[in-house]
C-alpha atoms as a PDB file:
ATOM      1  CA  MET A   1     134.085 100.103  -3.595  1.00  0.00           C
ATOM      2  CA  LYS A   2     133.954  99.059  -7.175  1.00  0.00           C
ATOM      3  CA  SER A   3     129.929 100.179  -7.012  1.00  0.00           C
ATOM      4  CA  ASN A   4     126.566 101.510  -6.106  1.00  0.00           C
ATOM      5  CA  ILE A   5     125.357  97.767  -5.159  1.00  0.00           C
ATOM      6  CA  LEU A   6     128.003  96.577  -2.826  1.00  0.00           C
ATOM      7  CA  LYS A   7     129.023  92.199  -3.330  1.00  0.00           C
ATOM      8  CA  ILE A   8     129.049  90.695   0.206  1.00  0.00           C
ATOM      9  CA  ILE A   9     130.040  86.869   0.420  1.00  0.00           C
ATOM     10  CA  ILE A  10     128.949  85.343   3.610  1.00  0.00           C
ATOM     11  CA  ILE A  11     130.456  82.350   5.158  1.00  0.00           C
ATOM     12  CA  ASP A  12     128.646  80.256   7.671  1.00  0.00           C
ATOM     13  CA  SER A  13     128.660  76.492   8.375  1.00  0.00           C
ATOM     14  CA  ASP A  14     125.576  76.471   9.545  1.00  0.00           C
ATOM     15  CA  HIS A  15     123.343  75.639   6.727  1.00  0.00           C
ATOM     16  CA  LEU A  16     120.473  76.384   8.937  1.00  0.00           C
ATOM     17  CA  PHE A  17     120.835  80.063   8.564  1.00  0.00           C
ATOM     18  CA  HIS A  18     121.372  79.891   4.668  1.00  0.00           C
ATOM     19  CA  ALA A  19     118.150  80.290   4.375  1.00  0.00           C
ATOM     20  CA  ALA A  20     117.021  82.925   6.062  1.00  0.00           C
ATOM     21  CA  TYR A  21     120.452  84.797   4.999  1.00  0.00           C
ATOM     22  CA  ARG A  22     119.318  84.573   1.090  1.00  0.00           C
ATOM     23  CA  TYR A  23     115.837  86.289   2.339  1.00  0.00           C
ATOM     24  CA  TYR A  24     117.598  88.817   3.762  1.00  0.00           C
ATOM     25  CA  PHE A  25     119.392  89.363   0.386  1.00  0.00           C
ATOM     26  CA  GLU A  26     115.983  89.389  -1.837  1.00  0.00           C
ATOM     27  CA  THR A  27     115.011  92.524   0.218  1.00  0.00           C
ATOM     28  CA  TYR A  28     118.343  94.654   0.215  1.00  0.00           C
ATOM     29  CA  GLN A  29     118.667  97.242  -2.914  1.00  0.00           C
ATOM     30  CA  ASP A  30     122.025  98.161  -2.797  1.00  0.00           C
ATOM     31  CA  TYR A  31     123.576  95.256  -1.438  1.00  0.00           C
ATOM     32  CA  SER A  32     124.244  91.880  -4.123  1.00  0.00           C
ATOM     33  CA  LEU A  33     124.923  88.776  -2.409  1.00  0.00           C
ATOM     34  CA  GLN A  34     127.265  86.385  -4.233  1.00  0.00           C
ATOM     35  CA  GLY A  35     127.727  83.221  -2.331  1.00  0.00           C
ATOM     36  CA  ILE A  36     127.167  81.412   1.015  1.00  0.00           C
ATOM     37  CA  TYR A  37     130.329  78.904   1.901  1.00  0.00           C
ATOM     38  CA  ILE A  38     131.053  76.972   4.329  1.00  0.00           C
ATOM     39  CA  SER A  39     134.293  77.566   4.883  1.00  0.00           C
ATOM     40  CA  VAL A  40     136.944  80.190   4.288  1.00  0.00           C
ATOM     41  CA  GLU A  41     139.127  77.704   2.161  1.00  0.00           C
ATOM     42  CA  ASP A  42     135.886  77.006  -0.250  1.00  0.00           C
ATOM     43  CA  ALA A  43     135.022  80.850  -0.401  1.00  0.00           C
ATOM     44  CA  ILE A  44     139.349  81.665  -0.313  1.00  0.00           C
ATOM     45  CA  ARG A  45     139.224  79.442  -3.429  1.00  0.00           C
ATOM     46  CA  ASP A  46     136.478  80.838  -5.227  1.00  0.00           C
ATOM     47  CA  PHE A  47     137.520  85.067  -4.324  1.00  0.00           C
ATOM     48  CA  ASP A  48     138.203  86.413  -7.992  1.00  0.00           C
ATOM     49  CA  ASN A  49     135.173  84.897  -9.327  1.00  0.00           C
ATOM     50  CA  ALA A  50     132.471  86.264  -6.774  1.00  0.00           C
ATOM     51  CA  LEU A  51     135.174  89.476  -5.836  1.00  0.00           C
ATOM     52  CA  PRO A  52     133.479  90.631  -3.003  1.00  0.00           C
ATOM     53  CA  ASP A  53     132.950  94.081  -1.570  1.00  0.00           C
ATOM     54  CA  ILE A  54     132.253  93.091   1.900  1.00  0.00           C
ATOM     55  CA  ILE A  55     133.386  89.354   3.490  1.00  0.00           C
ATOM     56  CA  VAL A  56     130.783  88.414   6.556  1.00  0.00           C
ATOM     57  CA  SER A  57     132.588  85.553   8.092  1.00  0.00           C
ATOM     58  CA  GLU A  58     131.169  83.288  11.103  1.00  0.00           C
ATOM     59  CA  VAL A  59     134.107  83.967  14.293  1.00  0.00           C
ATOM     60  CA  SER A  60     133.193  79.369  15.109  1.00  0.00           C
ATOM     61  CA  MET A  61     134.424  77.756  11.986  1.00  0.00           C
ATOM     62  CA  PRO A  62     136.065  73.760  10.440  1.00  0.00           C
ATOM     63  CA  GLU A  63     139.647  73.725  10.168  1.00  0.00           C
ATOM     64  CA  VAL A  64     140.617  77.379   9.723  1.00  0.00           C
ATOM     65  CA  CYS A  65     138.379  79.567  11.830  1.00  0.00           C
ATOM     66  CA  GLY A  66     137.346  82.760  10.598  1.00  0.00           C
ATOM     67  CA  ILE A  67     139.540  85.679  12.735  1.00  0.00           C
ATOM     68  CA  GLU A  68     142.167  83.505  11.614  1.00  0.00           C
ATOM     69  CA  GLY A  69     141.067  83.549   8.043  1.00  0.00           C
ATOM     70  CA  ILE A  70     141.561  87.664   7.671  1.00  0.00           C
ATOM     71  CA  ARG A  71     145.216  87.583   7.075  1.00  0.00           C
ATOM     72  CA  LEU A  72     144.052  84.802   3.753  1.00  0.00           C
ATOM     73  CA  PHE A  73     141.394  87.694   2.520  1.00  0.00           C
ATOM     74  CA  ARG A  74     143.395  90.324   3.338  1.00  0.00           C
ATOM     75  CA  LYS A  75     146.492  88.710   0.818  1.00  0.00           C
ATOM     76  CA  LYS A  76     143.271  88.561  -1.983  1.00  0.00           C
ATOM     77  CA  ASP A  77     141.769  91.902  -1.203  1.00  0.00           C
ATOM     78  CA  PRO A  78     143.473  94.477   1.362  1.00  0.00           C
ATOM     79  CA  GLU A  79     140.646  96.831   1.047  1.00  0.00           C
ATOM     80  CA  VAL A  80     138.305  94.583   1.758  1.00  0.00           C
ATOM     81  CA  LYS A  81     135.754  95.440   4.424  1.00  0.00           C
ATOM     82  CA  ILE A  82     135.449  92.037   6.728  1.00  0.00           C
ATOM     83  CA  LEU A  83     132.468  91.251   9.372  1.00  0.00           C
ATOM     84  CA  MET A  84     132.793  88.901  11.789  1.00  0.00           C
ATOM     85  CA  ILE A  85     129.835  87.082  12.993  1.00  0.00           C
ATOM     86  CA  SER A  86     129.650  85.057  16.303  1.00  0.00           C
ATOM     87  CA  ALA A  87     126.995  84.190  19.312  1.00  0.00           C
ATOM     88  CA  GLN A  88     130.182  85.277  21.425  1.00  0.00           C
ATOM     89  CA  ASN A  89     131.353  88.649  22.716  1.00  0.00           C
ATOM     90  CA  ASP A  90     134.119  88.016  25.054  1.00  0.00           C
ATOM     91  CA  PHE A  91     136.338  90.553  24.884  1.00  0.00           C
ATOM     92  CA  GLU A  92     139.316  88.717  24.167  1.00  0.00           C
ATOM     93  CA  ILE A  93     137.681  87.039  20.853  1.00  0.00           C
ATOM     94  CA  ILE A  94     136.887  90.741  19.825  1.00  0.00           C
ATOM     95  CA  LYS A  95     140.329  91.705  20.585  1.00  0.00           C
ATOM     96  CA  LYS A  96     142.020  89.395  18.523  1.00  0.00           C
ATOM     97  CA  ALA A  97     139.390  89.974  15.550  1.00  0.00           C
ATOM     98  CA  PHE A  98     140.593  93.611  15.640  1.00  0.00           C
ATOM     99  CA  LYS A  99     143.820  93.036  15.514  1.00  0.00           C
ATOM    100  CA  ASN A 100     143.829  90.769  12.678  1.00  0.00           C
ATOM    101  CA  GLN A 101     141.927  93.343  10.486  1.00  0.00           C
ATOM    102  CA  ALA A 102     138.508  92.853  10.743  1.00  0.00           C
ATOM    103  CA  ASN A 103     135.743  95.951   9.968  1.00  0.00           C
ATOM    104  CA  GLY A 104     133.803  95.080  12.705  1.00  0.00           C
ATOM    105  CA  TYR A 105     131.627  92.173  14.822  1.00  0.00           C
ATOM    106  CA  LEU A 106     128.251  91.218  15.081  1.00  0.00           C
ATOM    107  CA  THR A 107     126.694  89.167  18.052  1.00  0.00           C
ATOM    108  CA  LYS A 108     124.013  87.086  17.032  1.00  0.00           C
ATOM    109  CA  PRO A 109     120.622  86.756  16.893  1.00  0.00           C
ATOM    110  CA  VAL A 110     121.645  88.910  13.631  1.00  0.00           C
ATOM    111  CA  THR A 111     118.540  90.161  12.007  1.00  0.00           C
ATOM    112  CA  LYS A 112     117.295  91.214   8.567  1.00  0.00           C
ATOM    113  CA  LYS A 113     117.103  94.785   9.589  1.00  0.00           C
ATOM    114  CA  ARG A 114     120.374  94.263  11.978  1.00  0.00           C
ATOM    115  CA  MET A 115     122.554  92.824   8.843  1.00  0.00           C
ATOM    116  CA  PHE A 116     121.094  95.464   7.136  1.00  0.00           C
ATOM    117  CA  ASN A 117     122.658  98.494   9.438  1.00  0.00           C
ATOM    118  CA  ALA A 118     125.438  97.107  10.221  1.00  0.00           C
ATOM    119  CA  LEU A 119     126.180  96.608   6.391  1.00  0.00           C
ATOM    120  CA  ASN A 120     125.383  99.800   5.496  1.00  0.00           C
ATOM    121  CA  SER A 121     128.401 100.989   8.244  1.00  0.00           C
ATOM    122  CA  LEU A 122     130.134  99.479   6.449  1.00  0.00           C
ATOM    123  CA  LYS A 123     129.751 101.451   3.908  1.00  0.00           C
ATOM    124  CA  PHE A 124     129.674 104.907   4.760  1.00  0.00           C
ATOM    125  CA  GLU A 125     132.209 105.060   7.928  1.00  0.00           C
ATOM    126  CA  GLY A 126     133.849 101.112   7.342  1.00  0.00           C
ATOM    127  CA  ALA A 127     133.112  99.656  10.369  1.00  0.00           C
ATOM    128  CA  THR A 128     130.628  98.659  12.673  1.00  0.00           C
ATOM    129  CA  MET A 129     130.273  96.625  16.317  1.00  0.00           C
ATOM    130  CA  SER A 130     127.041  95.255  18.110  1.00  0.00           C
ATOM    131  CA  ASN A 131     125.570  97.087  20.822  1.00  0.00           C
ATOM    132  CA  ASP A 132     126.496  94.859  23.175  1.00  0.00           C
ATOM    133  CA  ILE A 133     130.151  94.791  22.347  1.00  0.00           C
ATOM    134  CA  VAL A 134     130.140  99.263  22.423  1.00  0.00           C
ATOM    135  CA  LYS A 135     129.405  98.323  26.034  1.00  0.00           C
ATOM    136  CA  LYS A 136     131.574  95.909  26.774  1.00  0.00           C
ATOM    137  CA  VAL A 137     134.464  98.062  25.357  1.00  0.00           C
ATOM    138  CA  ILE A 138     133.587 100.965  27.408  1.00  0.00           C
ATOM    139  CA  SER A 139     133.248  98.678  30.333  1.00  0.00           C
ATOM    140  CA  MET A 140     136.767  97.679  29.254  1.00  0.00           C
ATOM    141  CA  PHE A 141     138.111 100.797  29.670  1.00  0.00           C
ATOM    142  CA  HIS A 142     136.109 102.123  33.155  1.00  0.00           C
ATOM    143  CA  ARG A 143     137.702  98.554  34.633  1.00  0.00           C
ATOM    144  CA  LYS A 144     139.466  99.464  37.549  1.00  0.00           C
ATOM    145  CA  SER A 145     143.668  99.462  37.247  1.00  0.00           C
ATOM    146  CA  TYR A 146     146.057  98.818  39.465  1.00  0.00           C
ATOM    147  CA  HIS A 147     149.522  99.904  39.126  1.00  0.00           C
ATOM    148  CA  ASN A 148     151.749  97.943  40.455  1.00  0.00           C
ATOM    149  CA  PHE A 149     150.040  95.010  38.080  1.00  0.00           C
ATOM    150  CA  SER A 150     151.601  95.004  34.529  1.00  0.00           C
ATOM    151  CA  GLU A 151     148.399  94.583  31.904  1.00  0.00           C
ATOM    152  CA  ARG A 152     148.100  91.038  32.030  1.00  0.00           C
ATOM    153  CA  GLU A 153     148.297  91.038  35.463  1.00  0.00           C
ATOM    154  CA  ASN A 154     145.122  93.285  35.578  1.00  0.00           C
ATOM    155  CA  GLN A 155     143.641  91.463  33.389  1.00  0.00           C
ATOM    156  CA  ILE A 156     143.405  88.381  35.252  1.00  0.00           C
ATOM    157  CA  ILE A 157     142.647  90.652  38.963  1.00  0.00           C
ATOM    158  CA  ASP A 158     140.195  91.213  36.524  1.00  0.00           C
ATOM    159  CA  TYR A 159     138.975  87.681  36.323  1.00  0.00           C
ATOM    160  CA  LEU A 160     139.552  86.696  39.610  1.00  0.00           C
ATOM    161  CA  CYS A 161     137.287  88.896  41.238  1.00  0.00           C
ATOM    162  CA  GLN A 162     134.382  87.804  38.628  1.00  0.00           C
ATOM    163  CA  GLY A 163     134.735  84.841  40.298  1.00  0.00           C
ATOM    164  CA  ALA A 164     136.255  82.650  37.323  1.00  0.00           C
ATOM    165  CA  THR A 165     138.719  79.651  37.478  1.00  0.00           C
ATOM    166  CA  TYR A 166     142.513  79.135  36.787  1.00  0.00           C
ATOM    167  CA  LYS A 167     141.384  77.487  33.524  1.00  0.00           C
ATOM    168  CA  LEU A 168     138.819  79.698  32.733  1.00  0.00           C
ATOM    169  CA  ILE A 169     141.295  82.325  32.633  1.00  0.00           C
ATOM    170  CA  ALA A 170     143.474  80.731  30.614  1.00  0.00           C
ATOM    171  CA  ASP A 171     140.750  79.736  28.180  1.00  0.00           C
ATOM    172  CA  LYS A 172     139.806  83.223  27.929  1.00  0.00           C
ATOM    173  CA  LEU A 173     143.783  84.484  27.350  1.00  0.00           C
ATOM    174  CA  PHE A 174     144.791  81.875  25.282  1.00  0.00           C
ATOM    175  CA  VAL A 175     147.419  80.339  27.715  1.00  0.00           C
ATOM    176  CA  THR A 176     147.787  77.681  29.933  1.00  0.00           C
ATOM    177  CA  THR A 177     147.066  77.013  32.799  1.00  0.00           C
ATOM    178  CA  SER A 178     150.937  77.264  34.448  1.00  0.00           C
ATOM    179  CA  THR A 179     150.960  80.470  32.894  1.00  0.00           C
ATOM    180  CA  ILE A 180     148.070  82.168  34.541  1.00  0.00           C
ATOM    181  CA  ASN A 181     148.965  80.169  38.367  1.00  0.00           C
ATOM    182  CA  PHE A 182     152.671  81.944  37.614  1.00  0.00           C
ATOM    183  CA  HIS A 183     151.172  85.425  36.840  1.00  0.00           C
ATOM    184  CA  ILE A 184     149.021  84.749  40.294  1.00  0.00           C
ATOM    185  CA  GLN A 185     151.473  83.929  41.766  1.00  0.00           C
ATOM    186  CA  ASN A 186     153.462  87.257  41.169  1.00  0.00           C
ATOM    187  CA  ILE A 187     150.254  88.720  41.858  1.00  0.00           C
ATOM    188  CA  TYR A 188     149.719  86.967  45.432  1.00  0.00           C
ATOM    189  CA  LEU A 189     153.665  88.423  46.051  1.00  0.00           C
ATOM    190  CA  LYS A 190     152.773  91.629  45.496  1.00  0.00           C
ATOM    191  CA  LEU A 191     150.478  91.938  47.654  1.00  0.00           C
ATOM    192  CA  ASP A 192     151.991  89.915  49.679  1.00  0.00           C
ATOM    193  CA  VAL A 193     149.035  87.561  50.547  1.00  0.00           C
ATOM    194  CA  ASN A 194     148.915  83.736  50.436  1.00  0.00           C
ATOM    195  CA  SER A 195     145.740  83.462  48.827  1.00  0.00           C
ATOM    196  CA  LYS A 196     142.744  83.592  46.523  1.00  0.00           C
ATOM    197  CA  SER A 197     140.625  84.828  49.620  1.00  0.00           C
ATOM    198  CA  GLU A 198     143.249  86.628  50.888  1.00  0.00           C
ATOM    199  CA  ALA A 199     144.165  88.791  47.074  1.00  0.00           C
ATOM    200  CA  LEU A 200     140.932  89.851  46.606  1.00  0.00           C
ATOM    201  CA  VAL A 201     140.517  91.276  50.480  1.00  0.00           C
ATOM    202  CA  LYS A 202     143.740  93.360  49.907  1.00  0.00           C
ATOM    203  CA  LEU A 203     142.518  94.694  46.299  1.00  0.00           C
ATOM    204  CA  LYS A 204     139.208  95.667  47.960  1.00  0.00           C
ATOM    205  CA  GLU A 205     141.343  97.394  50.357  1.00  0.00           C
ATOM    206  CA  ILE A 206     143.439  99.306  47.822  1.00  0.00           C
ATOM    207  CA  SER A 207     141.344  99.766  45.466  1.00  0.00           C
END
């Protein structure tokens, strides 16, 4: 970090939030808002002018999404801190963000206090996560794992037990429904069953 007052840029295509963000930063003494951009592309173009210490980016963006934008910012400055913001707390999206080297993930609504605390965590600890995401991550580690199945099959089993459809599971795992169907057929084969209801009964027996 280059100075006591850190430079922040925000990327959010929804103009409704811009006034609130400007107000937040008017009250922060240790953080200076350098600019608000409506796209990743705009922020990249102005990066050398803004030279941010921390980037706050919405996940859902037009054209280049916020998560995909992480690698573009890393090319500009490998040390810049990147905080993702989203209304979604889907574990697969969160995992993808951190896999792309995000430093934090904050779920909406983002209040003045939550934003300030997140920025402080990035400044002093290098990372931050919303409490709801921390609980979700912990629950994922506490999730039942069936030793006879692969990691992907265990993910699918978890969604099946929650009542998710093949399409929903495919969307959650960023694969096609035919891929999910393939894995489920393998799960049925390992369980020696022919239907979802039989599979759920068998899984309950062996858990």
